[in-house]
Amino acid sequence: MVALTQDRDTPRRAGEDFQHPVAASVRIYAGAIVMLNATGYATPGAVATGLVPAGVAQEQVDNVNGADGDVNVAVRRGVFRFVNDGTVSRTDIGGTAYVVDDQTVANNDGTGTRSALGTIMDVDADGVWVQI
């Protein structure tokens, strides 16, 4: 492509709602942490390295008997409260949250076994608020 020589109507979106094709043989529950695997398919949050945060599932999607990309999952990005594995405290605010499972986060990478989810924004008695 070449540089613009006239005005351009550049498409825009809020950056909150996305659709991602789902990995084969998985079920993603509504409200679950959704990550993208090495091939770009959505999978529930789990202890694994190399996963990329996608957001929170807005619906349950069953691809247990399907191939990669047979169905899509609607995800939303933003700030969400997740279960604290017991390691996250108020001193971790501003630090990185790491995925333990599809609803739980930690303040550490589990000695190199967990993928980063996002920034810890707050911690309260009910969980950890993470910006994805």
N, C-alpha and C. Protein backbone atom coordinates (compact mmCIF):
# COMPACT_ATOMS: atom_id res chain seq x y z
N MET A 1 0.83 -1.18 0.00
CA MET A 1 0.00 0.00 0.00
C MET A 1 0.88 1.24 0.00
N VAL A 2 0.29 2.30 -0.45
CA VAL A 2 1.00 3.59 -0.47
C VAL A 2 0.32 4.55 0.50
N ALA A 3 1.02 5.61 0.84
CA ALA A 3 0.48 6.61 1.75
C ALA A 3 -0.74 7.30 1.14
N LEU A 4 -1.61 7.82 2.00
CA LEU A 4 -2.82 8.51 1.54
C LEU A 4 -2.49 9.73 0.70
N THR A 5 -3.32 9.98 -0.29
CA THR A 5 -3.23 11.21 -1.09
C THR A 5 -4.55 11.97 -1.03
N GLN A 6 -5.50 11.40 -0.24
CA GLN A 6 -6.79 12.06 -0.03
C GLN A 6 -7.37 11.56 1.29
N ASP A 7 -8.47 12.19 1.74
CA ASP A 7 -9.11 11.77 2.98
C ASP A 7 -9.56 10.32 2.90
N ARG A 8 -9.57 9.66 4.07
CA ARG A 8 -9.99 8.26 4.15
C ARG A 8 -11.02 8.12 5.25
N ASP A 9 -12.11 7.41 5.00
CA ASP A 9 -13.11 7.10 6.02
C ASP A 9 -12.65 5.82 6.72
N THR A 10 -11.90 5.97 7.80
CA THR A 10 -11.32 4.83 8.50
C THR A 10 -12.35 4.19 9.42
N PRO A 11 -12.63 2.89 9.25
CA PRO A 11 -13.60 2.20 10.12
C PRO A 11 -13.14 2.23 11.59
N ARG A 12 -14.12 2.26 12.50
CA ARG A 12 -13.83 2.32 13.92
C ARG A 12 -14.76 1.37 14.67
N ARG A 13 -14.27 0.82 15.77
CA ARG A 13 -15.12 0.08 16.69
C ARG A 13 -14.62 0.31 18.11
N ALA A 14 -15.48 0.09 19.08
CA ALA A 14 -15.18 0.42 20.47
C ALA A 14 -14.08 -0.47 21.06
N GLY A 15 -13.84 -1.62 20.49
CA GLY A 15 -12.79 -2.50 21.00
C GLY A 15 -13.20 -3.31 22.21
N GLU A 16 -14.51 -3.53 22.37
CA GLU A 16 -14.99 -4.31 23.50
C GLU A 16 -15.53 -5.67 23.09
N ASP A 17 -16.26 -5.72 21.99
CA ASP A 17 -16.94 -6.95 21.59
C ASP A 17 -16.32 -7.56 20.34
N PHE A 18 -16.02 -8.86 20.44
CA PHE A 18 -15.38 -9.58 19.34
C PHE A 18 -16.00 -10.96 19.20
N GLN A 19 -15.81 -11.57 18.05
CA GLN A 19 -16.19 -12.96 17.78
C GLN A 19 -14.91 -13.70 17.42
N HIS A 20 -14.69 -14.85 18.04
CA HIS A 20 -13.50 -15.65 17.72
C HIS A 20 -13.91 -17.08 17.40
N PRO A 21 -13.29 -17.70 16.40
CA PRO A 21 -13.54 -19.11 16.13
C PRO A 21 -13.00 -19.95 17.30
N VAL A 22 -13.74 -20.99 17.64
CA VAL A 22 -13.42 -21.83 18.80
C VAL A 22 -12.57 -23.03 18.39
N ALA A 23 -11.63 -23.38 19.27
CA ALA A 23 -10.77 -24.55 19.05
C ALA A 23 -11.61 -25.83 19.06
N ALA A 24 -11.09 -26.84 18.42
CA ALA A 24 -11.75 -28.15 18.39
C ALA A 24 -11.81 -28.75 19.78
N SER A 25 -12.85 -29.51 20.02
CA SER A 25 -12.99 -30.35 21.21
C SER A 25 -13.07 -29.59 22.52
N VAL A 26 -13.59 -28.35 22.51
CA VAL A 26 -13.72 -27.60 23.76
C VAL A 26 -15.14 -27.07 23.93
N ARG A 27 -15.49 -26.84 25.19
CA ARG A 27 -16.73 -26.16 25.57
C ARG A 27 -16.30 -24.93 26.36
N ILE A 28 -16.87 -23.80 26.01
CA ILE A 28 -16.59 -22.55 26.72
C ILE A 28 -17.90 -22.11 27.37
N TYR A 29 -17.87 -21.88 28.67
CA TYR A 29 -19.06 -21.46 29.40
C TYR A 29 -19.18 -19.94 29.41
N ALA A 30 -20.41 -19.45 29.45
CA ALA A 30 -20.65 -18.01 29.57
C ALA A 30 -19.97 -17.52 30.85
N GLY A 31 -19.28 -16.40 30.76
CA GLY A 31 -18.57 -15.84 31.89
C GLY A 31 -17.15 -16.34 32.06
N ALA A 32 -16.73 -17.28 31.21
CA ALA A 32 -15.40 -17.85 31.31
C ALA A 32 -14.33 -16.93 30.72
N ILE A 33 -13.14 -17.03 31.27
CA ILE A 33 -11.97 -16.41 30.65
C ILE A 33 -11.73 -17.13 29.34
N VAL A 34 -11.56 -16.37 28.26
CA VAL A 34 -11.29 -16.95 26.94
C VAL A 34 -9.92 -16.50 26.49
N MET A 35 -9.13 -17.46 26.06
CA MET A 35 -7.79 -17.21 25.55
C MET A 35 -7.71 -17.70 24.11
N LEU A 36 -6.74 -17.18 23.37
CA LEU A 36 -6.48 -17.66 22.02
C LEU A 36 -5.23 -18.53 22.06
N ASN A 37 -5.33 -19.73 21.45
CA ASN A 37 -4.19 -20.65 21.45
C ASN A 37 -3.18 -20.26 20.36
N ALA A 38 -2.17 -21.05 20.19
CA ALA A 38 -1.08 -20.74 19.25
C ALA A 38 -1.55 -20.62 17.81
N THR A 39 -2.68 -21.24 17.48
CA THR A 39 -3.19 -21.16 16.11
C THR A 39 -4.34 -20.15 15.98
N GLY A 40 -4.60 -19.38 17.07
CA GLY A 40 -5.57 -18.30 17.02
C GLY A 40 -7.00 -18.69 17.32
N TYR A 41 -7.21 -19.90 17.84
CA TYR A 41 -8.56 -20.35 18.17
C TYR A 41 -8.86 -20.15 19.65
N ALA A 42 -10.12 -19.82 19.95
CA ALA A 42 -10.55 -19.56 21.32
C ALA A 42 -10.61 -20.85 22.12
N THR A 43 -10.15 -20.74 23.36
CA THR A 43 -10.15 -21.87 24.27
C THR A 43 -10.37 -21.33 25.68
N PRO A 44 -10.97 -22.13 26.57
CA PRO A 44 -11.16 -21.63 27.94
C PRO A 44 -9.81 -21.40 28.63
N GLY A 45 -9.77 -20.45 29.54
CA GLY A 45 -8.56 -20.21 30.31
C GLY A 45 -8.11 -21.46 31.04
N ALA A 46 -6.81 -21.69 31.06
CA ALA A 46 -6.23 -22.86 31.72
C ALA A 46 -4.75 -22.59 31.95
N VAL A 47 -4.14 -23.41 32.81
CA VAL A 47 -2.70 -23.31 33.01
C VAL A 47 -2.02 -23.76 31.73
N ALA A 48 -1.39 -22.82 31.05
CA ALA A 48 -0.68 -23.08 29.80
C ALA A 48 0.10 -21.82 29.45
N THR A 49 1.17 -22.00 28.72
CA THR A 49 1.94 -20.84 28.28
C THR A 49 1.61 -20.53 26.82
N GLY A 50 1.87 -19.30 26.42
CA GLY A 50 1.69 -18.91 25.04
C GLY A 50 0.28 -18.56 24.65
N LEU A 51 -0.65 -18.52 25.61
CA LEU A 51 -2.03 -18.14 25.30
C LEU A 51 -2.17 -16.62 25.32
N VAL A 52 -3.05 -16.10 24.46
CA VAL A 52 -3.28 -14.67 24.35
C VAL A 52 -4.68 -14.36 24.87
N PRO A 53 -4.82 -13.38 25.77
CA PRO A 53 -6.15 -13.06 26.29
C PRO A 53 -7.09 -12.52 25.22
N ALA A 54 -8.30 -13.06 25.18
CA ALA A 54 -9.31 -12.61 24.23
C ALA A 54 -10.41 -11.81 24.92
N GLY A 55 -10.80 -12.23 26.14
CA GLY A 55 -11.87 -11.56 26.87
C GLY A 55 -12.67 -12.55 27.68
N VAL A 56 -13.93 -12.19 27.94
CA VAL A 56 -14.84 -13.03 28.72
C VAL A 56 -15.98 -13.48 27.79
N ALA A 57 -16.27 -14.78 27.83
CA ALA A 57 -17.33 -15.34 26.98
C ALA A 57 -18.68 -14.75 27.35
N GLN A 58 -19.44 -14.35 26.35
CA GLN A 58 -20.76 -13.77 26.55
C GLN A 58 -21.86 -14.80 26.37
N GLU A 59 -21.46 -16.02 26.07
CA GLU A 59 -22.42 -17.10 25.84
C GLU A 59 -21.69 -18.43 26.02
N GLN A 60 -22.46 -19.50 26.22
CA GLN A 60 -21.86 -20.84 26.25
C GLN A 60 -21.77 -21.35 24.82
N VAL A 61 -20.63 -21.92 24.48
CA VAL A 61 -20.41 -22.46 23.14
C VAL A 61 -19.85 -23.87 23.29
N ASP A 62 -20.47 -24.82 22.59
CA ASP A 62 -20.05 -26.21 22.65
C ASP A 62 -19.45 -26.62 21.31
N ASN A 63 -18.15 -26.87 21.31
CA ASN A 63 -17.46 -27.37 20.12
C ASN A 63 -16.75 -28.68 20.45
N VAL A 64 -17.31 -29.41 21.44
CA VAL A 64 -16.70 -30.66 21.89
C VAL A 64 -16.55 -31.66 20.76
N ASN A 65 -17.54 -31.71 19.87
CA ASN A 65 -17.49 -32.66 18.76
C ASN A 65 -17.12 -31.99 17.44
N GLY A 66 -16.64 -30.75 17.51
CA GLY A 66 -16.33 -30.01 16.29
C GLY A 66 -14.85 -29.86 16.02
N ALA A 67 -14.57 -29.36 14.83
CA ALA A 67 -13.20 -29.06 14.42
C ALA A 67 -12.90 -27.59 14.70
N ASP A 68 -11.64 -27.21 14.62
CA ASP A 68 -11.25 -25.81 14.79
C ASP A 68 -12.13 -24.92 13.93
N GLY A 69 -12.74 -23.91 14.56
CA GLY A 69 -13.49 -22.91 13.82
C GLY A 69 -14.90 -23.29 13.41
N ASP A 70 -15.40 -24.45 13.83
CA ASP A 70 -16.77 -24.83 13.46
C ASP A 70 -17.80 -23.87 14.05
N VAL A 71 -17.51 -23.30 15.21
CA VAL A 71 -18.40 -22.32 15.84
C VAL A 71 -17.57 -21.14 16.33
N ASN A 72 -18.25 -20.03 16.59
CA ASN A 72 -17.61 -18.84 17.13
C ASN A 72 -18.12 -18.57 18.53
N VAL A 73 -17.34 -17.84 19.31
CA VAL A 73 -17.76 -17.40 20.63
C VAL A 73 -17.70 -15.88 20.68
N ALA A 74 -18.74 -15.28 21.25
CA ALA A 74 -18.76 -13.83 21.47
C ALA A 74 -18.01 -13.55 22.77
N VAL A 75 -17.03 -12.65 22.71
CA VAL A 75 -16.27 -12.28 23.89
C VAL A 75 -16.30 -10.77 24.07
N ARG A 76 -16.13 -10.34 25.31
CA ARG A 76 -16.08 -8.92 25.63
C ARG A 76 -14.81 -8.63 26.40
N ARG A 77 -14.17 -7.52 26.04
CA ARG A 77 -13.00 -7.04 26.75
C ARG A 77 -13.43 -5.92 27.68
N GLY A 78 -12.71 -5.73 28.76
CA GLY A 78 -13.03 -4.69 29.74
C GLY A 78 -12.42 -5.05 31.07
N VAL A 79 -13.07 -4.64 32.16
CA VAL A 79 -12.61 -4.95 33.51
C VAL A 79 -13.64 -5.90 34.14
N PHE A 80 -13.16 -7.06 34.59
CA PHE A 80 -14.03 -8.11 35.11
C PHE A 80 -13.48 -8.64 36.43
N ARG A 81 -14.39 -9.13 37.29
CA ARG A 81 -13.97 -9.74 38.56
C ARG A 81 -13.87 -11.25 38.40
N PHE A 82 -12.72 -11.79 38.80
CA PHE A 82 -12.46 -13.22 38.76
C PHE A 82 -12.15 -13.73 40.16
N VAL A 83 -12.13 -15.04 40.30
CA VAL A 83 -11.81 -15.69 41.57
C VAL A 83 -10.32 -15.52 41.86
N ASN A 84 -10.01 -15.20 43.10
CA ASN A 84 -8.63 -15.06 43.57
C ASN A 84 -8.13 -16.43 44.02
N ASP A 85 -7.02 -16.87 43.50
CA ASP A 85 -6.47 -18.17 43.93
C ASP A 85 -5.85 -18.09 45.32
N GLY A 86 -5.88 -16.91 45.92
CA GLY A 86 -5.33 -16.72 47.25
C GLY A 86 -4.00 -16.00 47.26
N THR A 87 -3.41 -15.80 46.08
CA THR A 87 -2.11 -15.13 46.02
C THR A 87 -2.22 -13.63 45.80
N VAL A 88 -3.36 -13.16 45.29
CA VAL A 88 -3.50 -11.76 44.90
C VAL A 88 -3.95 -10.91 46.09
N SER A 89 -3.22 -9.82 46.34
CA SER A 89 -3.58 -8.89 47.41
C SER A 89 -3.60 -7.47 46.84
N ARG A 90 -3.98 -6.52 47.66
CA ARG A 90 -4.05 -5.13 47.22
C ARG A 90 -2.70 -4.61 46.77
N THR A 91 -1.62 -5.18 47.26
CA THR A 91 -0.29 -4.73 46.84
C THR A 91 0.02 -5.14 45.40
N ASP A 92 -0.82 -5.99 44.81
CA ASP A 92 -0.63 -6.43 43.42
C ASP A 92 -1.34 -5.53 42.41
N ILE A 93 -2.13 -4.55 42.89
CA ILE A 93 -2.84 -3.65 41.99
C ILE A 93 -1.83 -2.96 41.08
N GLY A 94 -2.11 -2.99 39.78
CA GLY A 94 -1.20 -2.46 38.77
C GLY A 94 -0.28 -3.51 38.19
N GLY A 95 -0.24 -4.68 38.83
CA GLY A 95 0.58 -5.78 38.33
C GLY A 95 -0.20 -6.66 37.36
N THR A 96 0.39 -7.76 36.99
CA THR A 96 -0.20 -8.67 36.01
C THR A 96 -0.94 -9.81 36.69
N ALA A 97 -2.13 -10.12 36.17
CA ALA A 97 -2.89 -11.29 36.59
C ALA A 97 -2.58 -12.42 35.62
N TYR A 98 -2.44 -13.62 36.16
CA TYR A 98 -2.14 -14.81 35.36
C TYR A 98 -3.28 -15.81 35.47
N VAL A 99 -3.54 -16.54 34.40
CA VAL A 99 -4.66 -17.48 34.32
C VAL A 99 -4.33 -18.78 35.05
N VAL A 100 -5.25 -19.17 35.96
CA VAL A 100 -5.16 -20.46 36.64
C VAL A 100 -6.14 -21.44 36.00
N ASP A 101 -7.37 -20.96 35.76
CA ASP A 101 -8.37 -21.73 35.02
C ASP A 101 -9.34 -20.74 34.40
N ASP A 102 -10.51 -21.19 33.96
CA ASP A 102 -11.40 -20.29 33.22
C ASP A 102 -12.15 -19.29 34.08
N GLN A 103 -11.87 -19.26 35.41
CA GLN A 103 -12.47 -18.25 36.27
C GLN A 103 -11.54 -17.75 37.37
N THR A 104 -10.33 -18.28 37.43
CA THR A 104 -9.42 -17.99 38.55
C THR A 104 -8.12 -17.37 38.06
N VAL A 105 -7.63 -16.38 38.84
CA VAL A 105 -6.36 -15.73 38.51
C VAL A 105 -5.40 -15.76 39.69
N ALA A 106 -4.12 -15.58 39.37
CA ALA A 106 -3.05 -15.54 40.36
C ALA A 106 -2.18 -14.31 40.09
N ASN A 107 -1.30 -14.00 41.04
CA ASN A 107 -0.39 -12.87 40.87
C ASN A 107 0.98 -13.28 40.32
N ASN A 108 1.10 -14.54 39.89
CA ASN A 108 2.39 -15.03 39.41
C ASN A 108 2.19 -16.01 38.27
N ASP A 109 3.25 -16.27 37.54
CA ASP A 109 3.15 -17.13 36.35
C ASP A 109 3.33 -18.61 36.66
N GLY A 110 3.29 -18.97 37.95
CA GLY A 110 3.39 -20.38 38.31
C GLY A 110 4.69 -21.00 37.85
N THR A 111 5.79 -20.29 38.07
CA THR A 111 7.13 -20.69 37.61
C THR A 111 7.15 -21.02 36.11
N GLY A 112 6.56 -20.09 35.35
CA GLY A 112 6.61 -20.20 33.90
C GLY A 112 5.57 -21.11 33.28
N THR A 113 4.48 -21.41 34.00
CA THR A 113 3.46 -22.32 33.46
C THR A 113 2.16 -21.64 33.09
N ARG A 114 2.00 -20.35 33.45
CA ARG A 114 0.73 -19.65 33.22
C ARG A 114 0.90 -18.49 32.25
N SER A 115 -0.17 -18.22 31.51
CA SER A 115 -0.19 -17.08 30.59
C SER A 115 -0.76 -15.86 31.30
N ALA A 116 -0.28 -14.68 30.90
CA ALA A 116 -0.79 -13.42 31.44
C ALA A 116 -2.19 -13.16 30.92
N LEU A 117 -3.05 -12.61 31.79
CA LEU A 117 -4.42 -12.27 31.40
C LEU A 117 -4.59 -10.77 31.21
N GLY A 118 -4.07 -9.99 32.14
CA GLY A 118 -4.25 -8.54 32.06
C GLY A 118 -3.75 -7.86 33.31
N THR A 119 -4.17 -6.62 33.51
CA THR A 119 -3.71 -5.80 34.63
C THR A 119 -4.68 -5.89 35.80
N ILE A 120 -4.15 -6.12 36.98
CA ILE A 120 -4.95 -6.14 38.20
C ILE A 120 -5.34 -4.71 38.53
N MET A 121 -6.66 -4.45 38.54
CA MET A 121 -7.17 -3.10 38.77
C MET A 121 -7.64 -2.88 40.20
N ASP A 122 -8.12 -3.95 40.85
CA ASP A 122 -8.62 -3.85 42.21
C ASP A 122 -8.72 -5.25 42.79
N VAL A 123 -8.73 -5.33 44.11
CA VAL A 123 -8.91 -6.59 44.82
C VAL A 123 -9.89 -6.31 45.95
N ASP A 124 -10.93 -7.15 46.04
CA ASP A 124 -11.89 -7.01 47.13
C ASP A 124 -12.21 -8.38 47.70
N ALA A 125 -13.13 -8.42 48.67
CA ALA A 125 -13.46 -9.67 49.33
C ALA A 125 -14.05 -10.71 48.39
N ASP A 126 -14.57 -10.25 47.24
CA ASP A 126 -15.21 -11.18 46.30
C ASP A 126 -14.32 -11.61 45.15
N GLY A 127 -13.13 -11.01 45.01
CA GLY A 127 -12.25 -11.44 43.93
C GLY A 127 -11.29 -10.37 43.46
N VAL A 128 -10.81 -10.60 42.24
CA VAL A 128 -9.79 -9.75 41.63
C VAL A 128 -10.36 -9.13 40.36
N TRP A 129 -10.30 -7.80 40.26
CA TRP A 129 -10.76 -7.09 39.09
C TRP A 129 -9.60 -6.94 38.13
N VAL A 130 -9.78 -7.49 36.92
CA VAL A 130 -8.70 -7.52 35.93
C VAL A 130 -9.15 -6.83 34.66
N GLN A 131 -8.28 -5.96 34.14
CA GLN A 131 -8.55 -5.34 32.84
C GLN A 131 -7.94 -6.20 31.75
N ILE A 132 -8.81 -6.67 30.85
CA ILE A 132 -8.37 -7.48 29.72
C ILE A 132 -8.44 -6.62 28.48
